[in-house]
Amino acid sequence: MSNGGLNAPLGDMAKWLAFLIEGSPGDVVSVAGKMFAVVNLEPPHSTAFKCTPETFGELVERPGIIPAPYMARNMWVQEQELGDALERRELASLVKASYDLVVAKLPK
């Protein structure tokens, strides 16, 4: 995937998130056809993911994180600018938790 003119830190972070699970090439990251994260690879590189109701309440209190448009009722949040409100390690943990939430709902 080309850098597309992104500045290195945000471009690398956006690519890292897009390829986080099983090398997903698009900006929607999914497992078994169910999305658990969305990354906008164009500036300002927003990202959205599913979380628990408790985490949702905590995250939307932070500047730079909002209820995800059209998905908030499903407990999705959006970091408006990737790397602005969440450090990489925290974001990785939250995306992993999103993955776990989606996997837990898959048919056995």
PDB file of N, CA and C in Angstrom:
ATOM      1  N   MET A   1       0.856  -1.175   0.000  1.00  0.00           N
ATOM      2  CA  MET A   1       0.000   0.000   0.000  1.00  0.00           C
ATOM      3  C   MET A   1       0.897   1.231   0.000  1.00  0.00           C
ATOM      4  N   SER A   2       0.600   2.152  -0.837  1.00  0.00           N
ATOM      5  CA  SER A   2       1.365   3.389  -0.960  1.00  0.00           C
ATOM      6  C   SER A   2       1.084   4.313   0.211  1.00  0.00           C
ATOM      7  N   ASN A   3       2.078   5.140   0.538  1.00  0.00           N
ATOM      8  CA  ASN A   3       1.913   6.105   1.620  1.00  0.00           C
ATOM      9  C   ASN A   3       0.884   7.162   1.241  1.00  0.00           C
ATOM     10  N   GLY A   4       0.687   7.414  -0.049  1.00  0.00           N
ATOM     11  CA  GLY A   4      -0.351   8.348  -0.483  1.00  0.00           C
ATOM     12  C   GLY A   4      -0.107   9.773  -0.036  1.00  0.00           C
ATOM     13  N   GLY A   5       1.153  10.135   0.256  1.00  0.00           N
ATOM     14  CA  GLY A   5       1.467  11.488   0.657  1.00  0.00           C
ATOM     15  C   GLY A   5       1.182  11.790   2.109  1.00  0.00           C
ATOM     16  N   LEU A   6       0.862  10.791   2.907  1.00  0.00           N
ATOM     17  CA  LEU A   6       0.595  11.022   4.322  1.00  0.00           C
ATOM     18  C   LEU A   6       1.900  11.338   5.027  1.00  0.00           C
ATOM     19  N   ASN A   7       1.833  12.165   6.067  1.00  0.00           N
ATOM     20  CA  ASN A   7       3.066  12.372   6.813  1.00  0.00           C
ATOM     21  C   ASN A   7       3.403  11.085   7.546  1.00  0.00           C
ATOM     22  N   ALA A   8       4.657  10.831   7.789  1.00  0.00           N
ATOM     23  CA  ALA A   8       5.115   9.516   8.259  1.00  0.00           C
ATOM     24  C   ALA A   8       4.428   9.029   9.533  1.00  0.00           C
ATOM     25  N   PRO A   9       4.403   9.812  10.632  1.00  0.00           N
ATOM     26  CA  PRO A   9       3.820   9.243  11.845  1.00  0.00           C
ATOM     27  C   PRO A   9       2.354   8.859  11.696  1.00  0.00           C
ATOM     28  N   LEU A  10       1.516   9.743  11.155  1.00  0.00           N
ATOM     29  CA  LEU A  10       0.100   9.420  11.003  1.00  0.00           C
ATOM     30  C   LEU A  10      -0.107   8.381   9.920  1.00  0.00           C
ATOM     31  N   GLY A  11       0.644   8.484   8.843  1.00  0.00           N
ATOM     32  CA  GLY A  11       0.526   7.496   7.779  1.00  0.00           C
ATOM     33  C   GLY A  11       0.878   6.116   8.281  1.00  0.00           C
ATOM     34  N   ASP A  12       1.970   6.006   9.034  1.00  0.00           N
ATOM     35  CA  ASP A  12       2.361   4.717   9.580  1.00  0.00           C
ATOM     36  C   ASP A  12       1.313   4.200  10.553  1.00  0.00           C
ATOM     37  N   MET A  13       0.762   5.088  11.377  1.00  0.00           N
ATOM     38  CA  MET A  13      -0.240   4.663  12.351  1.00  0.00           C
ATOM     39  C   MET A  13      -1.509   4.205  11.638  1.00  0.00           C
ATOM     40  N   ALA A  14      -1.930   4.922  10.599  1.00  0.00           N
ATOM     41  CA  ALA A  14      -3.120   4.529   9.854  1.00  0.00           C
ATOM     42  C   ALA A  14      -2.901   3.173   9.185  1.00  0.00           C
ATOM     43  N   LYS A  15      -1.736   2.986   8.572  1.00  0.00           N
ATOM     44  CA  LYS A  15      -1.443   1.693   7.945  1.00  0.00           C
ATOM     45  C   LYS A  15      -1.363   0.595   8.992  1.00  0.00           C
ATOM     46  N   TRP A  16      -0.755   0.894  10.150  1.00  0.00           N
ATOM     47  CA  TRP A  16      -0.658  -0.098  11.224  1.00  0.00           C
ATOM     48  C   TRP A  16      -2.044  -0.548  11.652  1.00  0.00           C
ATOM     49  N   LEU A  17      -2.952   0.393  11.830  1.00  0.00           N
ATOM     50  CA  LEU A  17      -4.293   0.027  12.265  1.00  0.00           C
ATOM     51  C   LEU A  17      -5.040  -0.721  11.172  1.00  0.00           C
ATOM     52  N   ALA A  18      -4.894  -0.292   9.924  1.00  0.00           N
ATOM     53  CA  ALA A  18      -5.591  -0.958   8.825  1.00  0.00           C
ATOM     54  C   ALA A  18      -5.137  -2.399   8.656  1.00  0.00           C
ATOM     55  N   PHE A  19      -3.896  -2.692   8.994  1.00  0.00           N
ATOM     56  CA  PHE A  19      -3.363  -4.037   8.833  1.00  0.00           C
ATOM     57  C   PHE A  19      -3.255  -4.781  10.157  1.00  0.00           C
ATOM     58  N   LEU A  20      -3.859  -4.261  11.204  1.00  0.00           N
ATOM     59  CA  LEU A  20      -3.699  -4.813  12.548  1.00  0.00           C
ATOM     60  C   LEU A  20      -4.094  -6.281  12.637  1.00  0.00           C
ATOM     61  N   ILE A  21      -5.215  -6.635  12.093  1.00  0.00           N
ATOM     62  CA  ILE A  21      -5.703  -8.005  12.193  1.00  0.00           C
ATOM     63  C   ILE A  21      -5.690  -8.654  10.805  1.00  0.00           C
ATOM     64  N   GLU A  22      -4.921  -9.693  10.664  1.00  0.00           N
ATOM     65  CA  GLU A  22      -4.881 -10.535   9.473  1.00  0.00           C
ATOM     66  C   GLU A  22      -4.662  -9.759   8.188  1.00  0.00           C
ATOM     67  N   GLY A  23      -3.893  -8.688   8.232  1.00  0.00           N
ATOM     68  CA  GLY A  23      -3.518  -7.971   7.023  1.00  0.00           C
ATOM     69  C   GLY A  23      -4.667  -7.420   6.216  1.00  0.00           C
ATOM     70  N   SER A  24      -5.738  -7.016   6.857  1.00  0.00           N
ATOM     71  CA  SER A  24      -6.884  -6.475   6.140  1.00  0.00           C
ATOM     72  C   SER A  24      -6.458  -5.287   5.285  1.00  0.00           C
ATOM     73  N   PRO A  25      -6.645  -5.351   3.955  1.00  0.00           N
ATOM     74  CA  PRO A  25      -6.120  -4.302   3.082  1.00  0.00           C
ATOM     75  C   PRO A  25      -6.962  -3.044   3.010  1.00  0.00           C
ATOM     76  N   GLY A  26      -8.208  -3.076   3.459  1.00  0.00           N
ATOM     77  CA  GLY A  26      -9.073  -1.923   3.298  1.00  0.00           C
ATOM     78  C   GLY A  26      -9.100  -1.035   4.513  1.00  0.00           C
ATOM     79  N   ASP A  27     -10.021  -0.098   4.511  1.00  0.00           N
ATOM     80  CA  ASP A  27     -10.144   0.775   5.664  1.00  0.00           C
ATOM     81  C   ASP A  27     -11.210   0.285   6.631  1.00  0.00           C
ATOM     82  N   VAL A  28     -11.871  -0.826   6.314  1.00  0.00           N
ATOM     83  CA  VAL A  28     -12.763  -1.500   7.244  1.00  0.00           C
ATOM     84  C   VAL A  28     -12.051  -2.764   7.697  1.00  0.00           C
ATOM     85  N   VAL A  29     -11.899  -2.933   8.993  1.00  0.00           N
ATOM     86  CA  VAL A  29     -11.227  -4.103   9.531  1.00  0.00           C
ATOM     87  C   VAL A  29     -12.305  -4.998  10.102  1.00  0.00           C
ATOM     88  N   SER A  30     -12.360  -6.259   9.624  1.00  0.00           N
ATOM     89  CA  SER A  30     -13.444  -7.142  10.019  1.00  0.00           C
ATOM     90  C   SER A  30     -12.953  -8.553  10.295  1.00  0.00           C
ATOM     91  N   VAL A  31     -13.804  -9.305  10.968  1.00  0.00           N
ATOM     92  CA  VAL A  31     -13.581 -10.723  11.222  1.00  0.00           C
ATOM     93  C   VAL A  31     -14.886 -11.428  10.864  1.00  0.00           C
ATOM     94  N   ALA A  32     -14.794 -12.478  10.051  1.00  0.00           N
ATOM     95  CA  ALA A  32     -15.970 -13.235   9.610  1.00  0.00           C
ATOM     96  C   ALA A  32     -17.049 -12.306   9.038  1.00  0.00           C
ATOM     97  N   GLY A  33     -16.627 -11.274   8.315  1.00  0.00           N
ATOM     98  CA  GLY A  33     -17.569 -10.354   7.688  1.00  0.00           C
ATOM     99  C   GLY A  33     -18.193  -9.329   8.623  1.00  0.00           C
ATOM    100  N   LYS A  34     -17.787  -9.314   9.880  1.00  0.00           N
ATOM    101  CA  LYS A  34     -18.316  -8.345  10.851  1.00  0.00           C
ATOM    102  C   LYS A  34     -17.226  -7.326  11.174  1.00  0.00           C
ATOM    103  N   MET A  35     -17.516  -6.060  10.944  1.00  0.00           N
ATOM    104  CA  MET A  35     -16.483  -5.052  11.182  1.00  0.00           C
ATOM    105  C   MET A  35     -16.320  -4.763  12.665  1.00  0.00           C
ATOM    106  N   PHE A  36     -15.059  -4.499  13.035  1.00  0.00           N
ATOM    107  CA  PHE A  36     -14.774  -4.124  14.415  1.00  0.00           C
ATOM    108  C   PHE A  36     -13.940  -2.858  14.492  1.00  0.00           C
ATOM    109  N   ALA A  37     -13.470  -2.354  13.360  1.00  0.00           N
ATOM    110  CA  ALA A  37     -12.752  -1.080  13.326  1.00  0.00           C
ATOM    111  C   ALA A  37     -12.854  -0.501  11.924  1.00  0.00           C
ATOM    112  N   VAL A  38     -12.842   0.820  11.864  1.00  0.00           N
ATOM    113  CA  VAL A  38     -12.861   1.538  10.592  1.00  0.00           C
ATOM    114  C   VAL A  38     -11.795   2.617  10.672  1.00  0.00           C
ATOM    115  N   VAL A  39     -11.000   2.726   9.617  1.00  0.00           N
ATOM    116  CA  VAL A  39      -9.938   3.723   9.563  1.00  0.00           C
ATOM    117  C   VAL A  39     -10.113   4.551   8.304  1.00  0.00           C
ATOM    118  N   ASN A  40     -10.090   5.853   8.440  1.00  0.00           N
ATOM    119  CA  ASN A  40     -10.080   6.731   7.286  1.00  0.00           C
ATOM    120  C   ASN A  40      -8.624   6.977   6.924  1.00  0.00           C
ATOM    121  N   LEU A  41      -8.175   6.467   5.775  1.00  0.00           N
ATOM    122  CA  LEU A  41      -6.781   6.608   5.380  1.00  0.00           C
ATOM    123  C   LEU A  41      -6.471   7.987   4.801  1.00  0.00           C
ATOM    124  N   GLU A  42      -7.481   8.812   4.658  1.00  0.00           N
ATOM    125  CA  GLU A  42      -7.282  10.196   4.210  1.00  0.00           C
ATOM    126  C   GLU A  42      -7.246  11.109   5.437  1.00  0.00           C
ATOM    127  N   PRO A  43      -6.467  12.195   5.375  1.00  0.00           N
ATOM    128  CA  PRO A  43      -6.425  13.122   6.508  1.00  0.00           C
ATOM    129  C   PRO A  43      -7.827  13.594   6.872  1.00  0.00           C
ATOM    130  N   PRO A  44      -8.175  13.693   8.119  1.00  0.00           N
ATOM    131  CA  PRO A  44      -7.331  13.633   9.311  1.00  0.00           C
ATOM    132  C   PRO A  44      -7.201  12.243   9.928  1.00  0.00           C
ATOM    133  N   HIS A  45      -7.425  11.177   9.172  1.00  0.00           N
ATOM    134  CA  HIS A  45      -7.196   9.808   9.648  1.00  0.00           C
ATOM    135  C   HIS A  45      -8.015   9.478  10.894  1.00  0.00           C
ATOM    136  N   SER A  46      -9.311   9.659  10.820  1.00  0.00           N
ATOM    137  CA  SER A  46     -10.152   9.275  11.955  1.00  0.00           C
ATOM    138  C   SER A  46     -10.250   7.758  12.020  1.00  0.00           C
ATOM    139  N   THR A  47     -10.575   7.258  13.195  1.00  0.00           N
ATOM    140  CA  THR A  47     -10.758   5.827  13.386  1.00  0.00           C
ATOM    141  C   THR A  47     -11.953   5.603  14.296  1.00  0.00           C
ATOM    142  N   ALA A  48     -12.648   4.494  14.084  1.00  0.00           N
ATOM    143  CA  ALA A  48     -13.811   4.162  14.902  1.00  0.00           C
ATOM    144  C   ALA A  48     -13.752   2.680  15.260  1.00  0.00           C
ATOM    145  N   PHE A  49     -14.312   2.351  16.408  1.00  0.00           N
ATOM    146  CA  PHE A  49     -14.304   0.961  16.860  1.00  0.00           C
ATOM    147  C   PHE A  49     -15.390   0.761  17.904  1.00  0.00           C
ATOM    148  N   LYS A  50     -15.757  -0.507  18.100  1.00  0.00           N
ATOM    149  CA  LYS A  50     -16.783  -0.905  19.068  1.00  0.00           C
ATOM    150  C   LYS A  50     -16.159  -0.983  20.461  1.00  0.00           C
ATOM    151  N   CYS A  51     -16.947  -0.708  21.482  1.00  0.00           N
ATOM    152  CA  CYS A  51     -16.451  -0.844  22.853  1.00  0.00           C
ATOM    153  C   CYS A  51     -17.601  -1.209  23.792  1.00  0.00           C
ATOM    154  N   THR A  52     -17.259  -1.487  25.023  1.00  0.00           N
ATOM    155  CA  THR A  52     -18.282  -1.798  26.018  1.00  0.00           C
ATOM    156  C   THR A  52     -19.020  -0.511  26.400  1.00  0.00           C
ATOM    157  N   PRO A  53     -20.207  -0.636  26.963  1.00  0.00           N
ATOM    158  CA  PRO A  53     -20.920   0.578  27.406  1.00  0.00           C
ATOM    159  C   PRO A  53     -20.101   1.411  28.400  1.00  0.00           C
ATOM    160  N   GLU A  54     -19.375   0.757  29.301  1.00  0.00           N
ATOM    161  CA  GLU A  54     -18.565   1.489  30.276  1.00  0.00           C
ATOM    162  C   GLU A  54     -17.442   2.265  29.589  1.00  0.00           C
ATOM    163  N   THR A  55     -16.741   1.595  28.683  1.00  0.00           N
ATOM    164  CA  THR A  55     -15.649   2.242  27.952  1.00  0.00           C
ATOM    165  C   THR A  55     -16.186   3.361  27.068  1.00  0.00           C
ATOM    166  N   PHE A  56     -17.337   3.124  26.434  1.00  0.00           N
ATOM    167  CA  PHE A  56     -17.972   4.140  25.600  1.00  0.00           C
ATOM    168  C   PHE A  56     -18.178   5.418  26.409  1.00  0.00           C
ATOM    169  N   GLY A  57     -18.770   5.275  27.598  1.00  0.00           N
ATOM    170  CA  GLY A  57     -19.028   6.436  28.453  1.00  0.00           C
ATOM    171  C   GLY A  57     -17.762   7.180  28.841  1.00  0.00           C
ATOM    172  N   GLU A  58     -16.703   6.435  29.139  1.00  0.00           N
ATOM    173  CA  GLU A  58     -15.432   7.058  29.511  1.00  0.00           C
ATOM    174  C   GLU A  58     -14.781   7.765  28.324  1.00  0.00           C
ATOM    175  N   LEU A  59     -14.778   7.104  27.161  1.00  0.00           N
ATOM    176  CA  LEU A  59     -14.075   7.658  26.006  1.00  0.00           C
ATOM    177  C   LEU A  59     -14.733   8.914  25.461  1.00  0.00           C
ATOM    178  N   VAL A  60     -16.064   8.950  25.406  1.00  0.00           N
ATOM    179  CA  VAL A  60     -16.714  10.129  24.815  1.00  0.00           C
ATOM    180  C   VAL A  60     -16.581  11.373  25.694  1.00  0.00           C
ATOM    181  N   GLU A  61     -16.097  11.204  26.912  1.00  0.00           N
ATOM    182  CA  GLU A  61     -15.818  12.361  27.769  1.00  0.00           C
ATOM    183  C   GLU A  61     -14.499  13.038  27.397  1.00  0.00           C
ATOM    184  N   ARG A  62     -13.665  12.364  26.641  1.00  0.00           N
ATOM    185  CA  ARG A  62     -12.354  12.902  26.262  1.00  0.00           C
ATOM    186  C   ARG A  62     -12.467  13.812  25.043  1.00  0.00           C
ATOM    187  N   PRO A  63     -11.705  14.896  25.046  1.00  0.00           N
ATOM    188  CA  PRO A  63     -11.652  15.739  23.842  1.00  0.00           C
ATOM    189  C   PRO A  63     -11.090  14.919  22.676  1.00  0.00           C
ATOM    190  N   GLY A  64     -11.703  15.068  21.512  1.00  0.00           N
ATOM    191  CA  GLY A  64     -11.220  14.380  20.320  1.00  0.00           C
ATOM    192  C   GLY A  64     -11.860  13.028  20.079  1.00  0.00           C
ATOM    193  N   ILE A  65     -12.721  12.576  20.995  1.00  0.00           N
ATOM    194  CA  ILE A  65     -13.431  11.311  20.821  1.00  0.00           C
ATOM    195  C   ILE A  65     -14.923  11.589  20.926  1.00  0.00           C
ATOM    196  N   ILE A  66     -15.656  11.113  19.928  1.00  0.00           N
ATOM    197  CA  ILE A  66     -17.104  11.351  19.876  1.00  0.00           C
ATOM    198  C   ILE A  66     -17.825  10.016  19.660  1.00  0.00           C
ATOM    199  N   PRO A  67     -19.130   9.976  19.944  1.00  0.00           N
ATOM    200  CA  PRO A  67     -19.898   8.806  19.535  1.00  0.00           C
ATOM    201  C   PRO A  67     -19.809   8.687  18.008  1.00  0.00           C
ATOM    202  N   ALA A  68     -19.528   7.501  17.508  1.00  0.00           N
ATOM    203  CA  ALA A  68     -19.354   7.318  16.068  1.00  0.00           C
ATOM    204  C   ALA A  68     -20.668   7.582  15.336  1.00  0.00           C
ATOM    205  N   PRO A  69     -20.629   8.433  14.314  1.00  0.00           N
ATOM    206  CA  PRO A  69     -21.850   8.706  13.552  1.00  0.00           C
ATOM    207  C   PRO A  69     -22.463   7.413  13.017  1.00  0.00           C
ATOM    208  N   TYR A  70     -23.760   7.292  13.170  1.00  0.00           N
ATOM    209  CA  TYR A  70     -24.564   6.159  12.708  1.00  0.00           C
ATOM    210  C   TYR A  70     -24.309   4.861  13.479  1.00  0.00           C
ATOM    211  N   MET A  71     -23.275   4.791  14.316  1.00  0.00           N
ATOM    212  CA  MET A  71     -22.934   3.544  15.004  1.00  0.00           C
ATOM    213  C   MET A  71     -22.933   3.690  16.526  1.00  0.00           C
ATOM    214  N   ALA A  72     -23.187   4.869  17.039  1.00  0.00           N
ATOM    215  CA  ALA A  72     -23.126   5.105  18.482  1.00  0.00           C
ATOM    216  C   ALA A  72     -24.113   4.227  19.242  1.00  0.00           C
ATOM    217  N   ARG A  73     -25.265   3.964  18.655  1.00  0.00           N
ATOM    218  CA  ARG A  73     -26.246   3.119  19.364  1.00  0.00           C
ATOM    219  C   ARG A  73     -25.722   1.706  19.571  1.00  0.00           C
ATOM    220  N   ASN A  74     -24.705   1.324  18.791  1.00  0.00           N
ATOM    221  CA  ASN A  74     -24.058   0.022  18.942  1.00  0.00           C
ATOM    222  C   ASN A  74     -22.760   0.114  19.737  1.00  0.00           C
ATOM    223  N   MET A  75     -22.593   1.212  20.460  1.00  0.00           N
ATOM    224  CA  MET A  75     -21.430   1.437  21.320  1.00  0.00           C
ATOM    225  C   MET A  75     -20.121   1.576  20.532  1.00  0.00           C
ATOM    226  N   TRP A  76     -20.159   2.324  19.448  1.00  0.00           N
ATOM    227  CA  TRP A  76     -18.965   2.643  18.670  1.00  0.00           C
ATOM    228  C   TRP A  76     -18.558   4.080  18.975  1.00  0.00           C
ATOM    229  N   VAL A  77     -17.254   4.303  19.081  1.00  0.00           N
ATOM    230  CA  VAL A  77     -16.708   5.648  19.250  1.00  0.00           C
ATOM    231  C   VAL A  77     -15.815   5.978  18.061  1.00  0.00           C
ATOM    232  N   GLN A  78     -15.572   7.261  17.873  1.00  0.00           N
ATOM    233  CA  GLN A  78     -14.691   7.718  16.801  1.00  0.00           C
ATOM    234  C   GLN A  78     -13.647   8.656  17.371  1.00  0.00           C
ATOM    235  N   GLU A  79     -12.396   8.320  17.150  1.00  0.00           N
ATOM    236  CA  GLU A  79     -11.315   9.260  17.434  1.00  0.00           C
ATOM    237  C   GLU A  79     -11.219  10.143  16.193  1.00  0.00           C
ATOM    238  N   GLN A  80     -11.468  11.424  16.360  1.00  0.00           N
ATOM    239  CA  GLN A  80     -11.598  12.316  15.211  1.00  0.00           C
ATOM    240  C   GLN A  80     -10.300  12.500  14.433  1.00  0.00           C
ATOM    241  N   GLU A  81      -9.171  12.428  15.102  1.00  0.00           N
ATOM    242  CA  GLU A  81      -7.882  12.515  14.420  1.00  0.00           C
ATOM    243  C   GLU A  81      -6.961  11.478  15.039  1.00  0.00           C
ATOM    244  N   LEU A  82      -6.593  10.498  14.243  1.00  0.00           N
ATOM    245  CA  LEU A  82      -5.791   9.377  14.704  1.00  0.00           C
ATOM    246  C   LEU A  82      -4.529   9.850  15.418  1.00  0.00           C
ATOM    247  N   GLY A  83      -4.337   9.388  16.651  1.00  0.00           N
ATOM    248  CA  GLY A  83      -3.162   9.745  17.435  1.00  0.00           C
ATOM    249  C   GLY A  83      -3.328  10.995  18.270  1.00  0.00           C
ATOM    250  N   ASP A  84      -4.465  11.677  18.133  1.00  0.00           N
ATOM    251  CA  ASP A  84      -4.682  12.927  18.854  1.00  0.00           C
ATOM    252  C   ASP A  84      -5.140  12.681  20.289  1.00  0.00           C
ATOM    253  N   ALA A  85      -6.089  11.782  20.488  1.00  0.00           N
ATOM    254  CA  ALA A  85      -6.654  11.553  21.822  1.00  0.00           C
ATOM    255  C   ALA A  85      -6.178  10.248  22.458  1.00  0.00           C
ATOM    256  N   LEU A  86      -5.738   9.309  21.634  1.00  0.00           N
ATOM    257  CA  LEU A  86      -5.323   7.997  22.133  1.00  0.00           C
ATOM    258  C   LEU A  86      -3.883   7.695  21.725  1.00  0.00           C
ATOM    259  N   GLU A  87      -3.113   7.233  22.676  1.00  0.00           N
ATOM    260  CA  GLU A  87      -1.756   6.770  22.365  1.00  0.00           C
ATOM    261  C   GLU A  87      -1.858   5.437  21.634  1.00  0.00           C
ATOM    262  N   ARG A  88      -0.844   5.098  20.866  1.00  0.00           N
ATOM    263  CA  ARG A  88      -0.858   3.880  20.067  1.00  0.00           C
ATOM    264  C   ARG A  88      -1.134   2.638  20.913  1.00  0.00           C
ATOM    265  N   ARG A  89      -0.503   2.518  22.059  1.00  0.00           N
ATOM    266  CA  ARG A  89      -0.685   1.342  22.913  1.00  0.00           C
ATOM    267  C   ARG A  89      -2.128   1.233  23.397  1.00  0.00           C
ATOM    268  N   GLU A  90      -2.710   2.364  23.807  1.00  0.00           N
ATOM    269  CA  GLU A  90      -4.104   2.350  24.258  1.00  0.00           C
ATOM    270  C   GLU A  90      -5.044   2.026  23.097  1.00  0.00           C
ATOM    271  N   LEU A  91      -4.790   2.611  21.933  1.00  0.00           N
ATOM    272  CA  LEU A  91      -5.609   2.331  20.765  1.00  0.00           C
ATOM    273  C   LEU A  91      -5.538   0.849  20.404  1.00  0.00           C
ATOM    274  N   ALA A  92      -4.344   0.269  20.447  1.00  0.00           N
ATOM    275  CA  ALA A  92      -4.198  -1.161  20.142  1.00  0.00           C
ATOM    276  C   ALA A  92      -5.023  -2.001  21.105  1.00  0.00           C
ATOM    277  N   SER A  93      -4.998  -1.653  22.364  1.00  0.00           N
ATOM    278  CA  SER A  93      -5.769  -2.378  23.371  1.00  0.00           C
ATOM    279  C   SER A  93      -7.273  -2.242  23.112  1.00  0.00           C
ATOM    280  N   LEU A  94      -7.715  -1.051  22.764  1.00  0.00           N
ATOM    281  CA  LEU A  94      -9.135  -0.822  22.492  1.00  0.00           C
ATOM    282  C   LEU A  94      -9.597  -1.543  21.228  1.00  0.00           C
ATOM    283  N   VAL A  95      -8.752  -1.566  20.201  1.00  0.00           N
ATOM    284  CA  VAL A  95      -9.110  -2.276  18.970  1.00  0.00           C
ATOM    285  C   VAL A  95      -9.140  -3.775  19.227  1.00  0.00           C
ATOM    286  N   LYS A  96      -8.218  -4.283  20.026  1.00  0.00           N
ATOM    287  CA  LYS A  96      -8.226  -5.705  20.392  1.00  0.00           C
ATOM    288  C   LYS A  96      -9.508  -6.030  21.167  1.00  0.00           C
ATOM    289  N   ALA A  97      -9.911  -5.149  22.072  1.00  0.00           N
ATOM    290  CA  ALA A  97     -11.155  -5.350  22.817  1.00  0.00           C
ATOM    291  C   ALA A  97     -12.358  -5.330  21.864  1.00  0.00           C
ATOM    292  N   SER A  98     -12.333  -4.459  20.864  1.00  0.00           N
ATOM    293  CA  SER A  98     -13.393  -4.410  19.864  1.00  0.00           C
ATOM    294  C   SER A  98     -13.464  -5.735  19.105  1.00  0.00           C
ATOM    295  N   TYR A  99     -12.321  -6.219  18.685  1.00  0.00           N
ATOM    296  CA  TYR A  99     -12.239  -7.521  18.016  1.00  0.00           C
ATOM    297  C   TYR A  99     -12.854  -8.612  18.899  1.00  0.00           C
ATOM    298  N   ASP A 100     -12.465  -8.633  20.170  1.00  0.00           N
ATOM    299  CA  ASP A 100     -12.982  -9.640  21.104  1.00  0.00           C
ATOM    300  C   ASP A 100     -14.496  -9.540  21.268  1.00  0.00           C
ATOM    301  N   LEU A 101     -15.034  -8.323  21.326  1.00  0.00           N
ATOM    302  CA  LEU A 101     -16.483  -8.138  21.449  1.00  0.00           C
ATOM    303  C   LEU A 101     -17.214  -8.702  20.231  1.00  0.00           C
ATOM    304  N   VAL A 102     -16.673  -8.462  19.050  1.00  0.00           N
ATOM    305  CA  VAL A 102     -17.306  -8.936  17.819  1.00  0.00           C
ATOM    306  C   VAL A 102     -17.196 -10.457  17.710  1.00  0.00           C
ATOM    307  N   VAL A 103     -16.026 -11.001  18.009  1.00  0.00           N
ATOM    308  CA  VAL A 103     -15.827 -12.453  17.948  1.00  0.00           C
ATOM    309  C   VAL A 103     -16.768 -13.164  18.917  1.00  0.00           C
ATOM    310  N   ALA A 104     -16.971 -12.586  20.094  1.00  0.00           N
ATOM    311  CA  ALA A 104     -17.842 -13.205  21.107  1.00  0.00           C
ATOM    312  C   ALA A 104     -19.286 -13.335  20.618  1.00  0.00           C
ATOM    313  N   LYS A 105     -19.705 -12.477  19.690  1.00  0.00           N
ATOM    314  CA  LYS A 105     -21.076 -12.501  19.169  1.00  0.00           C
ATOM    315  C   LYS A 105     -21.233 -13.384  17.925  1.00  0.00           C
ATOM    316  N   LEU A 106     -20.127 -13.907  17.397  1.00  0.00           N
ATOM    317  CA  LEU A 106     -20.208 -14.752  16.207  1.00  0.00           C
ATOM    318  C   LEU A 106     -20.847 -16.102  16.546  1.00  0.00           C
ATOM    319  N   PRO A 107     -21.525 -16.690  15.584  1.00  0.00           N
ATOM    320  CA  PRO A 107     -22.087 -18.023  15.827  1.00  0.00           C
ATOM    321  C   PRO A 107     -20.978 -19.009  16.149  1.00  0.00           C
ATOM    322  N   LYS A 108     -21.259 -19.899  17.052  1.00  0.00           N
ATOM    323  CA  LYS A 108     -20.248 -20.897  17.459  1.00  0.00           C
ATOM    324  C   LYS A 108     -20.154 -22.008  16.454  1.00  0.00           C
TER     325      LYS A 108
END
